[in-house]
Protein backbone atom coordinates (compact mmCIF):
# COMPACT_ATOMS: atom_id res chain seq x y z
CA MET A 1 -3.32 13.67 -1.95
CA LYS A 2 -5.64 11.70 -4.24
CA PRO A 3 -9.24 11.24 -3.13
CA LYS A 4 -10.00 7.72 -2.00
CA ARG A 5 -12.20 5.68 -4.33
CA LYS A 6 -14.38 2.78 -3.38
CA THR A 7 -12.75 -0.40 -4.57
CA THR A 8 -15.48 -2.79 -3.47
CA GLU A 9 -17.87 -2.31 -6.38
CA TRP A 10 -17.71 -3.00 -10.08
CA VAL A 11 -18.38 0.02 -12.30
CA SER A 12 -20.49 -0.33 -15.44
CA VAL A 13 -18.88 1.11 -18.57
CA LYS A 14 -22.27 2.75 -19.20
CA ASP A 15 -21.88 4.75 -15.98
CA ARG A 16 -18.21 5.73 -16.04
CA LEU A 17 -14.89 4.89 -17.69
CA PRO A 18 -11.46 4.74 -16.06
CA MET A 19 -8.81 7.38 -16.70
CA VAL A 20 -6.75 6.85 -19.86
CA ALA A 21 -3.73 4.58 -19.20
CA GLU A 22 -5.22 3.40 -15.89
CA GLN A 23 -4.72 -0.28 -15.15
CA VAL A 24 -7.95 -1.94 -14.02
CA ILE A 25 -9.59 -5.33 -13.79
CA ALA A 26 -12.11 -5.62 -16.61
CA HIS A 27 -15.10 -7.97 -16.70
CA TYR A 28 -16.17 -9.39 -20.06
CA GLN A 29 -19.43 -11.09 -20.99
CA GLY A 30 -18.62 -14.56 -22.32
CA VAL A 31 -15.04 -13.88 -23.44
CA TYR A 32 -12.39 -13.89 -20.71
CA CYS A 33 -14.50 -13.34 -17.60
CA ARG A 34 -11.94 -10.98 -15.95
CA ARG A 35 -8.50 -9.69 -16.93
CA LEU A 36 -5.93 -7.17 -15.76
CA VAL A 37 -5.91 -4.58 -18.55
CA THR A 38 -5.01 -1.01 -19.41
CA PHE A 39 -7.79 1.37 -20.41
CA TYR A 40 -7.11 3.71 -23.33
CA THR A 41 -8.81 5.42 -26.23
CA ASP A 42 -7.82 5.05 -29.86
CA ILE A 43 -7.09 7.89 -32.26
CA ASP A 44 -10.84 8.29 -32.89
CA GLY A 45 -11.65 8.41 -29.17
CA HIS A 46 -13.16 4.92 -28.95
CA PRO A 47 -12.62 3.24 -25.55
CA HIS A 48 -10.55 0.04 -25.28
CA PHE A 49 -9.70 -2.36 -22.48
CA GLY A 50 -6.58 -4.13 -23.74
CA CYS A 51 -3.89 -6.37 -22.38
CA LEU A 52 -0.82 -4.61 -21.09
CA ASN A 53 1.16 -5.79 -24.13
CA GLU A 54 -1.52 -4.75 -26.69
CA PRO A 55 -1.38 -0.95 -26.83
CA ASP A 56 -2.55 -0.93 -30.45
CA GLY A 57 -6.06 -2.18 -29.66
CA LYS A 58 -5.62 -5.54 -31.36
CA GLY A 59 -7.12 -8.08 -29.02
CA SER A 60 -9.15 -5.45 -27.20
CA GLN A 61 -12.59 -6.73 -26.22
CA PRO A 62 -15.70 -4.81 -25.17
CA ALA A 63 -15.82 -4.94 -21.39
CA THR A 64 -19.10 -4.60 -19.51
CA HIS A 65 -17.67 -3.55 -16.11
CA TRP A 66 -14.35 -2.55 -14.59
CA HIS A 67 -12.87 -2.45 -11.12
CA PRO A 68 -10.04 -0.20 -9.88
CA LEU A 69 -6.98 -2.00 -8.59
CA PRO A 70 -6.90 -2.18 -4.82
CA PRO A 71 -4.30 -0.05 -3.03
CA LEU A 72 -0.97 -1.67 -2.27
CA PRO A 73 -0.49 -2.86 1.31
C-alpha cells in the first residue's frame, strides 16, 4: 500500500520534484497559471513539466510549484 501524501499544499520545485512520469498540476509564474502536466527529465537529467501530448519537452515551461493529483473518489 502506498503511503498517503498530503494533497492540500503546493510543493516548491526548490524543495522537491515529483516522480518521473507522474501527472501533477503545475503552477507557472506569468505563463499559464496552472496546468495538468506530466513531470519528466530529459536525456541530460533536466526537469520538465510538459503537457501530456508534449513528451519531447517542446512547450515545457519552468514551473515554480506543483501539486499532486487528488485521489479518485
